[in-house]
Amino acid sequence: MEDQDFLTFIKKVKEYTSIDLSQYKEAQMKRRLTTLRMKKGYTSFVSFFDAMTKDKSLFYEFLDRMTINVSEFWRNANRWEVLERHFLPEMLKRTRRLKVWSAACSTGEEPYTLAMILAEHKALKDAYLLATDIDEGALEKARKGVYLDRSVKEVPAYYLQKYYRSEGIHYYIADELKKYVKFQKQNLLLDPFETNFDLIVCRNVTIYFTEEAKHNLYHRFAQALKPGGILFVGSTEQIFSPGQYGLEPSETFFYRKKE
């Protein structure tokens, strides 16, 4: 009965939102959503779904729990340094008009990190910087660009001084960065992708997907990259056999599309 209740919930969520929870690792997803459901006082997933359709704030809380919106600026800072010092100068030799995508951008820390790095290389104004996520609540926070101090603990002091304004425990992203980031809702497992990207950043997201969903996603990322373009993944998301996607390892957690 319990399993059937969750399967019915998956079916109803897909019909209502086009989000296919069956492509996420079931044990992880069920555990997180069960905790939320019980916290909110619902005895079944079906009753929880019915409540979600009537209460927007509950629906956004479901999306938050489903997508684990935990992010920070310069997460794994040494990898961002590799991007800034090695890959970005190489890309800028090819073109000053870079096309960059932060996929599953959560509340915006990652695309704003990209924006700062591009700005320092005098490349932001000419770049196309797309940031997408499935969670409208997260995107709304990203557009506002206001963060608690814990989110900025890895930001180099120079960047912190130049691109943020602080008030108490809050940090505000500079307007000059915000206007160059295009935030947009997108379901990575369903919606079409734009193409000809020089760089795609998708970090700490595919760990929640089934192997089949992950496999399809890497194929689609590879198709969305320009020949020679770079896919930058998270520190727990090493791609095994990248050649099957037309990718080759370039640095740790960086993969290049074969030319």
Protein backbone atom coordinates (compact mmCIF):
# COMPACT_ATOMS: atom_id res chain seq x y z
CA MET A 1 0.00 0.00 0.00
CA GLU A 2 2.82 2.37 0.91
CA ASP A 3 4.64 1.68 -2.36
CA GLN A 4 1.44 2.14 -4.36
CA ASP A 5 0.82 5.45 -2.59
CA PHE A 6 4.25 6.74 -3.67
CA LEU A 7 3.83 5.41 -7.24
CA THR A 8 0.49 7.22 -7.49
CA PHE A 9 2.20 10.38 -6.21
CA ILE A 10 4.90 10.06 -8.91
CA LYS A 11 2.19 9.66 -11.58
CA LYS A 12 0.18 12.65 -10.33
CA VAL A 13 3.29 14.88 -10.08
CA LYS A 14 4.23 14.02 -13.66
CA GLU A 15 0.73 14.82 -14.94
CA TYR A 16 0.58 18.07 -12.98
CA THR A 17 4.13 19.40 -13.50
CA SER A 18 5.83 17.26 -16.22
CA ILE A 19 8.48 16.43 -13.58
CA ASP A 20 9.26 12.71 -13.80
CA LEU A 21 10.34 11.61 -10.32
CA SER A 22 10.91 8.07 -11.63
CA GLN A 23 14.14 9.37 -13.22
CA TYR A 24 15.50 10.29 -9.78
CA LYS A 25 17.07 7.72 -7.45
CA GLU A 26 14.00 6.37 -5.65
CA ALA A 27 15.42 5.64 -2.19
CA GLN A 28 16.93 9.14 -1.81
CA MET A 29 13.87 10.91 -3.22
CA LYS A 30 11.35 8.92 -1.21
CA ARG A 31 13.28 9.43 2.03
CA ARG A 32 13.50 13.22 1.58
CA LEU A 33 9.88 13.62 0.54
CA THR A 34 8.62 11.34 3.32
CA THR A 35 10.38 13.57 5.87
CA LEU A 36 8.69 16.65 4.38
CA ARG A 37 5.26 14.98 4.14
CA MET A 38 5.33 13.84 7.77
CA LYS A 39 6.64 17.20 8.96
CA LYS A 40 3.63 18.83 7.30
CA GLY A 41 1.23 16.33 8.90
CA TYR A 42 0.03 14.32 5.88
CA THR A 43 -0.56 10.59 6.33
CA SER A 44 -0.18 9.69 2.64
CA PHE A 45 1.58 10.98 -0.46
CA VAL A 46 -1.74 11.29 -2.28
CA SER A 47 -3.12 13.64 0.39
CA PHE A 48 0.17 15.53 0.34
CA PHE A 49 -0.12 15.95 -3.45
CA ASP A 50 -3.70 17.25 -3.16
CA ALA A 51 -2.53 19.82 -0.62
CA MET A 52 0.39 20.86 -2.86
CA THR A 53 -1.98 21.67 -5.73
CA LYS A 54 -3.93 24.04 -3.48
CA ASP A 55 -1.04 25.65 -1.59
CA LYS A 56 1.67 27.29 -3.70
CA SER A 57 4.10 27.68 -0.80
CA LEU A 58 3.84 23.94 -0.06
CA PHE A 59 4.46 23.19 -3.75
CA TYR A 60 7.60 25.35 -3.72
CA GLU A 61 8.75 23.60 -0.55
CA PHE A 62 8.32 20.26 -2.35
CA LEU A 63 10.46 21.55 -5.24
CA ASP A 64 13.11 22.80 -2.80
CA ARG A 65 13.28 19.41 -1.10
CA MET A 66 13.32 17.57 -4.42
CA THR A 67 16.13 19.61 -5.94
CA ILE A 68 18.23 20.15 -2.79
CA ASN A 69 18.94 23.83 -3.27
CA VAL A 70 22.21 23.87 -1.35
CA SER A 71 24.78 26.00 -3.08
CA GLU A 72 27.54 28.48 -2.41
CA PHE A 73 29.84 30.74 -4.39
CA TRP A 74 33.16 29.26 -5.53
CA ARG A 75 32.21 25.76 -4.36
CA ASN A 76 35.41 23.65 -4.66
CA ALA A 77 37.43 26.82 -5.26
CA ASN A 78 40.44 25.09 -6.79
CA ARG A 79 38.28 23.85 -9.69
CA TRP A 80 37.03 27.39 -10.38
CA GLU A 81 40.67 28.49 -10.47
CA VAL A 82 41.33 25.91 -13.18
CA LEU A 83 38.40 27.29 -15.17
CA GLU A 84 39.56 30.88 -14.71
CA ARG A 85 43.26 30.40 -15.35
CA HIS A 86 43.30 27.60 -17.89
CA PHE A 87 40.06 27.11 -19.82
CA LEU A 88 38.67 30.64 -20.00
CA PRO A 89 41.76 32.27 -21.57
CA GLU A 90 41.81 29.43 -24.10
CA MET A 91 38.12 30.02 -24.96
CA LEU A 92 38.65 33.77 -25.31
CA LYS A 93 41.37 33.20 -27.88
CA ARG A 94 38.73 31.56 -30.05
CA THR A 95 35.98 34.13 -29.53
CA ARG A 96 35.15 37.12 -27.33
CA ARG A 97 31.45 36.24 -27.56
CA LEU A 98 31.23 33.25 -25.27
CA LYS A 99 28.05 31.25 -24.86
CA VAL A 100 27.86 29.85 -21.31
CA TRP A 101 25.18 27.82 -19.52
CA SER A 102 24.78 27.17 -15.79
CA ALA A 103 22.40 24.18 -15.78
CA ALA A 104 20.38 23.49 -12.60
CA CYS A 105 21.62 26.82 -11.22
CA SER A 106 19.60 26.66 -7.98
CA THR A 107 19.56 30.06 -6.23
CA GLY A 108 22.16 31.64 -8.49
CA GLU A 109 25.51 31.27 -6.74
CA GLU A 110 27.04 29.38 -9.66
CA PRO A 111 26.02 31.70 -12.55
CA TYR A 112 27.04 34.76 -10.53
CA THR A 113 30.43 33.14 -9.90
CA LEU A 114 30.71 32.69 -13.67
CA ALA A 115 29.64 36.31 -14.22
CA MET A 116 32.37 37.61 -11.88
CA ILE A 117 35.05 35.54 -13.60
CA LEU A 118 33.88 36.69 -17.04
CA ALA A 119 33.79 40.31 -15.85
CA GLU A 120 37.38 40.09 -14.64
CA HIS A 121 38.41 38.93 -18.11
CA LYS A 122 36.46 41.82 -19.69
CA ALA A 123 34.25 39.21 -21.35
CA LEU A 124 30.90 39.53 -19.54
CA LYS A 125 29.35 42.27 -21.67
CA ASP A 126 29.95 40.28 -24.86
CA ALA A 127 28.92 36.92 -23.37
CA TYR A 128 25.59 35.12 -23.38
CA LEU A 129 25.16 33.70 -19.86
CA LEU A 130 22.14 31.43 -19.41
CA ALA A 131 21.12 30.04 -16.00
CA THR A 132 18.30 27.51 -15.72
CA ASP A 133 16.53 25.57 -12.99
CA ILE A 134 13.32 23.62 -12.53
CA ASP A 135 12.40 25.47 -9.31
CA GLU A 136 10.72 28.85 -9.83
CA GLY A 137 11.20 29.70 -6.15
CA ALA A 138 14.96 29.20 -6.47
CA LEU A 139 15.04 31.27 -9.68
CA GLU A 140 13.21 34.11 -7.95
CA LYS A 141 15.85 34.15 -5.20
CA ALA A 142 18.57 34.07 -7.86
CA ARG A 143 17.12 37.09 -9.67
CA LYS A 144 17.08 39.05 -6.40
CA GLY A 145 20.73 38.21 -5.76
CA VAL A 146 20.64 38.48 -1.95
CA TYR A 147 22.61 35.90 0.06
CA LEU A 148 23.46 35.07 3.66
CA ASP A 149 27.09 35.38 4.73
CA ARG A 150 27.53 31.59 4.84
CA SER A 151 27.12 31.47 1.03
CA VAL A 152 30.10 33.75 0.41
CA LYS A 153 32.68 32.15 2.72
CA GLU A 154 34.72 30.78 -0.23
CA VAL A 155 34.64 34.00 -2.29
CA PRO A 156 38.13 35.50 -2.73
CA ALA A 157 38.43 38.80 -0.83
CA TYR A 158 39.03 40.80 -4.02
CA TYR A 159 35.77 39.58 -5.60
CA LEU A 160 33.83 40.00 -2.36
CA GLN A 161 34.82 43.66 -2.16
CA LYS A 162 34.25 44.41 -5.84
CA TYR A 163 30.99 42.58 -6.65
CA TYR A 164 29.00 42.54 -3.40
CA ARG A 165 27.45 45.03 -1.03
CA SER A 166 27.10 43.81 2.54
CA GLU A 167 24.46 44.75 5.11
CA GLY A 168 24.71 42.80 8.34
CA ILE A 169 24.59 39.10 7.48
CA HIS A 170 23.32 39.75 3.94
CA TYR A 171 25.34 40.17 0.77
CA TYR A 172 23.86 41.81 -2.34
CA ILE A 173 25.14 41.00 -5.84
CA ALA A 174 26.14 44.06 -7.89
CA ASP A 175 23.51 45.15 -10.44
CA GLU A 176 26.19 45.23 -13.14
CA LEU A 177 26.41 41.42 -12.83
CA LYS A 178 22.69 40.72 -12.47
CA LYS A 179 21.73 42.35 -15.74
CA TYR A 180 23.95 40.00 -17.75
CA VAL A 181 22.56 36.72 -16.38
CA LYS A 182 19.46 35.31 -18.11
CA PHE A 183 17.51 33.19 -15.62
CA GLN A 184 14.98 30.77 -17.10
CA LYS A 185 12.86 27.84 -15.92
CA GLN A 186 13.87 24.48 -17.40
CA ASN A 187 13.39 20.78 -16.75
CA LEU A 188 16.74 19.17 -17.66
CA LEU A 189 15.13 15.76 -18.15
CA LEU A 190 12.41 16.96 -20.49
CA ASP A 191 12.89 20.37 -22.12
CA PRO A 192 14.96 21.02 -25.28
CA PHE A 193 18.46 22.49 -24.94
CA GLU A 194 20.00 25.41 -26.76
CA THR A 195 23.16 24.58 -28.72
CA ASN A 196 26.65 25.92 -29.54
CA PHE A 197 27.78 26.46 -25.96
CA ASP A 198 31.44 27.12 -25.25
CA LEU A 199 30.95 26.08 -21.62
CA ILE A 200 28.27 24.14 -19.74
CA VAL A 201 28.47 24.01 -15.94
CA CYS A 202 26.30 21.36 -14.27
CA ARG A 203 27.52 20.45 -10.80
CA ASN A 204 26.12 18.33 -7.96
CA VAL A 205 22.88 17.56 -9.79
CA THR A 206 23.25 14.28 -11.68
CA ILE A 207 24.02 12.47 -8.41
CA TYR A 208 20.24 12.51 -7.79
CA PHE A 209 19.37 10.90 -11.16
CA THR A 210 19.11 7.26 -12.18
CA GLU A 211 21.91 5.87 -14.37
CA GLU A 212 19.62 5.94 -17.42
CA ALA A 213 18.62 9.58 -16.86
CA LYS A 214 22.27 10.51 -16.29
CA HIS A 215 23.34 8.72 -19.49
CA ASN A 216 20.73 10.57 -21.57
CA LEU A 217 21.64 13.89 -19.99
CA TYR A 218 25.36 13.57 -20.80
CA HIS A 219 24.49 12.75 -24.41
CA ARG A 220 22.36 15.88 -24.60
CA PHE A 221 24.99 18.08 -22.95
CA ALA A 222 27.56 16.86 -25.47
CA GLN A 223 25.19 17.71 -28.33
CA ALA A 224 24.66 21.20 -26.87
CA LEU A 225 28.40 21.97 -26.79
CA LYS A 226 30.42 23.41 -29.65
CA PRO A 227 33.25 21.16 -30.87
CA GLY A 228 36.04 21.84 -28.36
CA GLY A 229 33.51 23.11 -25.78
CA ILE A 230 33.86 22.26 -22.08
CA LEU A 231 31.50 20.47 -19.66
CA PHE A 232 32.31 21.24 -16.00
CA VAL A 233 30.77 18.78 -13.49
CA GLY A 234 30.69 18.41 -9.71
CA SER A 235 33.28 16.81 -7.45
CA THR A 236 31.21 13.62 -7.00
CA GLU A 237 30.20 13.30 -10.65
CA GLN A 238 33.17 11.90 -12.53
CA ILE A 239 32.02 10.67 -15.97
CA PHE A 240 33.13 7.09 -16.65
CA SER A 241 33.75 6.27 -20.33
CA PRO A 242 33.23 9.87 -21.53
CA GLY A 243 34.10 8.75 -25.07
CA GLN A 244 30.61 7.25 -25.48
CA TYR A 245 29.28 10.82 -25.38
CA GLY A 246 31.91 12.26 -27.72
CA LEU A 247 33.72 13.79 -24.72
CA GLU A 248 37.29 13.41 -23.48
CA PRO A 249 38.72 14.21 -20.03
CA SER A 250 40.66 17.44 -20.00
CA GLU A 251 41.25 18.19 -16.30
CA THR A 252 39.66 16.68 -13.18
CA PHE A 253 35.87 17.26 -13.55
CA PHE A 254 36.31 18.99 -16.92
CA TYR A 255 35.41 17.25 -20.19
CA ARG A 256 35.99 18.53 -23.70
CA LYS A 257 33.79 17.79 -26.71
CA LYS A 258 35.89 16.17 -29.41
CA GLU A 259 36.54 18.39 -32.42
